[in-house]
Amino acid sequence: MGMYRGALKIFSRVNKALLCPTAEVPHGSWWARSSTADKIALFALIVATLSFLVAAATLGKDLVK
């Protein structure tokens, strides 16, 4: 659940509206507009989620024996 909240925090940070009437309107996808730190954090979140799933599957296999 915490990982899901972390992903939502990253997405909301990238997609939040800014009131800058003299600035250009941002173009492109949320991935292109996100900072390097946000991209690294999202990638780390994906790796952690996959690691958790593999660990849970391995533990489940050991418990079934």
N, C-alpha and C. Protein backbone atom coordinates (compact mmCIF):
# COMPACT_ATOMS: atom_id res chain seq x y z
N MET A 1 0.83 -1.19 0.00
CA MET A 1 0.00 0.00 0.00
C MET A 1 0.87 1.26 0.00
N GLY A 2 1.99 1.17 0.70
CA GLY A 2 2.89 2.32 0.75
C GLY A 2 3.52 2.59 -0.61
N MET A 3 3.79 1.52 -1.36
CA MET A 3 4.37 1.69 -2.69
C MET A 3 3.37 2.37 -3.62
N TYR A 4 2.10 2.01 -3.48
CA TYR A 4 1.05 2.62 -4.30
C TYR A 4 0.95 4.11 -3.98
N ARG A 5 1.02 4.45 -2.70
CA ARG A 5 0.96 5.85 -2.30
C ARG A 5 2.17 6.62 -2.82
N GLY A 6 3.34 5.97 -2.83
CA GLY A 6 4.54 6.61 -3.36
C GLY A 6 4.41 6.91 -4.85
N ALA A 7 3.85 5.96 -5.59
CA ALA A 7 3.66 6.18 -7.03
C ALA A 7 2.67 7.31 -7.27
N LEU A 8 1.59 7.35 -6.48
CA LEU A 8 0.62 8.44 -6.64
C LEU A 8 1.24 9.79 -6.31
N LYS A 9 2.13 9.83 -5.33
CA LYS A 9 2.79 11.08 -4.96
C LYS A 9 3.67 11.58 -6.12
N ILE A 10 4.38 10.65 -6.76
CA ILE A 10 5.22 11.04 -7.89
C ILE A 10 4.37 11.55 -9.05
N PHE A 11 3.29 10.83 -9.37
CA PHE A 11 2.42 11.26 -10.47
C PHE A 11 1.76 12.60 -10.18
N SER A 12 1.31 12.82 -8.95
CA SER A 12 0.65 14.08 -8.65
C SER A 12 1.63 15.24 -8.67
N ARG A 13 2.87 14.97 -8.30
CA ARG A 13 3.88 16.04 -8.32
C ARG A 13 4.19 16.47 -9.75
N VAL A 14 4.25 15.51 -10.65
CA VAL A 14 4.55 15.82 -12.05
C VAL A 14 3.37 16.49 -12.72
N ASN A 15 2.15 16.09 -12.40
CA ASN A 15 0.97 16.58 -13.10
C ASN A 15 0.29 17.77 -12.43
N LYS A 16 0.86 18.31 -11.35
CA LYS A 16 0.16 19.39 -10.67
C LYS A 16 0.15 20.66 -11.53
N ALA A 17 -0.93 21.39 -11.38
CA ALA A 17 -1.11 22.61 -12.17
C ALA A 17 -0.34 23.77 -11.55
N LEU A 18 0.23 24.60 -12.39
CA LEU A 18 0.96 25.78 -11.94
C LEU A 18 0.32 27.02 -12.55
N LEU A 19 0.22 28.06 -11.76
CA LEU A 19 -0.32 29.32 -12.26
C LEU A 19 0.84 30.21 -12.66
N CYS A 20 1.21 30.13 -13.91
CA CYS A 20 2.29 30.94 -14.48
C CYS A 20 1.80 31.48 -15.82
N PRO A 21 1.04 32.59 -15.80
CA PRO A 21 0.45 33.08 -17.04
C PRO A 21 1.46 33.52 -18.09
N THR A 22 2.68 33.86 -17.69
CA THR A 22 3.67 34.32 -18.66
C THR A 22 4.56 33.18 -19.15
N ALA A 23 4.45 32.01 -18.55
CA ALA A 23 5.30 30.88 -18.94
C ALA A 23 4.63 30.09 -20.06
N GLU A 24 5.42 29.28 -20.74
CA GLU A 24 4.87 28.44 -21.79
C GLU A 24 4.12 27.27 -21.17
N VAL A 25 3.14 26.79 -21.90
CA VAL A 25 2.38 25.63 -21.46
C VAL A 25 3.26 24.39 -21.65
N PRO A 26 3.38 23.56 -20.60
CA PRO A 26 4.23 22.38 -20.76
C PRO A 26 3.65 21.40 -21.76
N HIS A 27 4.50 20.89 -22.62
CA HIS A 27 4.09 19.94 -23.64
C HIS A 27 4.78 18.61 -23.40
N GLY A 28 4.21 17.57 -23.92
CA GLY A 28 4.81 16.25 -23.81
C GLY A 28 4.14 15.44 -22.72
N SER A 29 4.60 14.23 -22.57
CA SER A 29 4.03 13.32 -21.59
C SER A 29 4.54 13.64 -20.19
N TRP A 30 3.94 13.01 -19.20
CA TRP A 30 4.39 13.24 -17.83
C TRP A 30 5.80 12.71 -17.65
N TRP A 31 6.19 11.70 -18.41
CA TRP A 31 7.54 11.15 -18.30
C TRP A 31 8.57 12.17 -18.80
N ALA A 32 8.26 12.86 -19.88
CA ALA A 32 9.19 13.85 -20.42
C ALA A 32 9.30 15.07 -19.51
N ARG A 33 8.23 15.41 -18.81
CA ARG A 33 8.24 16.58 -17.94
C ARG A 33 8.79 16.30 -16.56
N SER A 34 8.88 15.04 -16.15
CA SER A 34 9.32 14.73 -14.79
C SER A 34 10.83 14.92 -14.67
N SER A 35 11.24 15.17 -13.43
CA SER A 35 12.67 15.39 -13.18
C SER A 35 13.40 14.05 -13.13
N THR A 36 14.71 14.13 -13.14
CA THR A 36 15.52 12.92 -13.09
C THR A 36 15.30 12.18 -11.78
N ALA A 37 15.16 12.91 -10.69
CA ALA A 37 14.93 12.28 -9.40
C ALA A 37 13.60 11.52 -9.39
N ASP A 38 12.58 12.08 -10.00
CA ASP A 38 11.28 11.40 -10.08
C ASP A 38 11.37 10.13 -10.93
N LYS A 39 12.12 10.18 -12.00
CA LYS A 39 12.28 9.00 -12.85
C LYS A 39 13.02 7.89 -12.11
N ILE A 40 14.08 8.26 -11.36
CA ILE A 40 14.83 7.28 -10.59
C ILE A 40 13.96 6.70 -9.49
N ALA A 41 13.16 7.54 -8.83
CA ALA A 41 12.29 7.05 -7.76
C ALA A 41 11.24 6.10 -8.29
N LEU A 42 10.67 6.39 -9.43
CA LEU A 42 9.66 5.50 -10.01
C LEU A 42 10.28 4.17 -10.43
N PHE A 43 11.47 4.22 -11.02
CA PHE A 43 12.16 2.99 -11.39
C PHE A 43 12.49 2.15 -10.16
N ALA A 44 12.95 2.80 -9.09
CA ALA A 44 13.25 2.08 -7.85
C ALA A 44 11.99 1.48 -7.25
N LEU A 45 10.88 2.17 -7.35
CA LEU A 45 9.61 1.64 -6.86
C LEU A 45 9.19 0.41 -7.64
N ILE A 46 9.39 0.42 -8.93
CA ILE A 46 9.05 -0.75 -9.76
C ILE A 46 9.94 -1.93 -9.40
N VAL A 47 11.24 -1.69 -9.23
CA VAL A 47 12.17 -2.76 -8.87
C VAL A 47 11.82 -3.32 -7.50
N ALA A 48 11.50 -2.47 -6.54
CA ALA A 48 11.13 -2.93 -5.20
C ALA A 48 9.85 -3.76 -5.23
N THR A 49 8.88 -3.35 -6.02
CA THR A 49 7.63 -4.10 -6.13
C THR A 49 7.87 -5.48 -6.74
N LEU A 50 8.67 -5.53 -7.80
CA LEU A 50 8.98 -6.82 -8.41
C LEU A 50 9.77 -7.71 -7.46
N SER A 51 10.70 -7.13 -6.70
CA SER A 51 11.46 -7.90 -5.72
C SER A 51 10.55 -8.46 -4.64
N PHE A 52 9.60 -7.67 -4.21
CA PHE A 52 8.64 -8.14 -3.21
C PHE A 52 7.81 -9.30 -3.73
N LEU A 53 7.37 -9.20 -4.97
CA LEU A 53 6.57 -10.27 -5.55
C LEU A 53 7.37 -11.56 -5.70
N VAL A 54 8.63 -11.44 -6.10
CA VAL A 54 9.49 -12.63 -6.22
C VAL A 54 9.74 -13.24 -4.85
N ALA A 55 10.00 -12.41 -3.85
CA ALA A 55 10.23 -12.92 -2.49
C ALA A 55 8.96 -13.60 -1.95
N ALA A 56 7.81 -13.03 -2.20
CA ALA A 56 6.55 -13.64 -1.74
C ALA A 56 6.31 -14.96 -2.44
N ALA A 57 6.61 -15.04 -3.73
CA ALA A 57 6.43 -16.30 -4.46
C ALA A 57 7.39 -17.36 -3.95
N THR A 58 8.61 -16.98 -3.68
CA THR A 58 9.60 -17.93 -3.16
C THR A 58 9.21 -18.41 -1.78
N LEU A 59 8.76 -17.51 -0.92
CA LEU A 59 8.33 -17.90 0.41
C LEU A 59 7.10 -18.81 0.34
N GLY A 60 6.19 -18.49 -0.54
CA GLY A 60 5.00 -19.33 -0.71
C GLY A 60 5.36 -20.73 -1.17
N LYS A 61 6.34 -20.81 -2.07
CA LYS A 61 6.78 -22.12 -2.55
C LYS A 61 7.42 -22.92 -1.42
N ASP A 62 8.20 -22.25 -0.56
CA ASP A 62 8.85 -22.94 0.56
C ASP A 62 7.83 -23.38 1.61
N LEU A 63 6.80 -22.58 1.82
CA LEU A 63 5.79 -22.93 2.83
C LEU A 63 4.89 -24.08 2.39
N VAL A 64 4.73 -24.25 1.08
CA VAL A 64 3.86 -25.31 0.58
C VAL A 64 4.53 -26.68 0.77
N LYS A 65 5.84 -26.74 0.75
CA LYS A 65 6.56 -28.02 0.89
C LYS A 65 6.32 -28.67 2.21
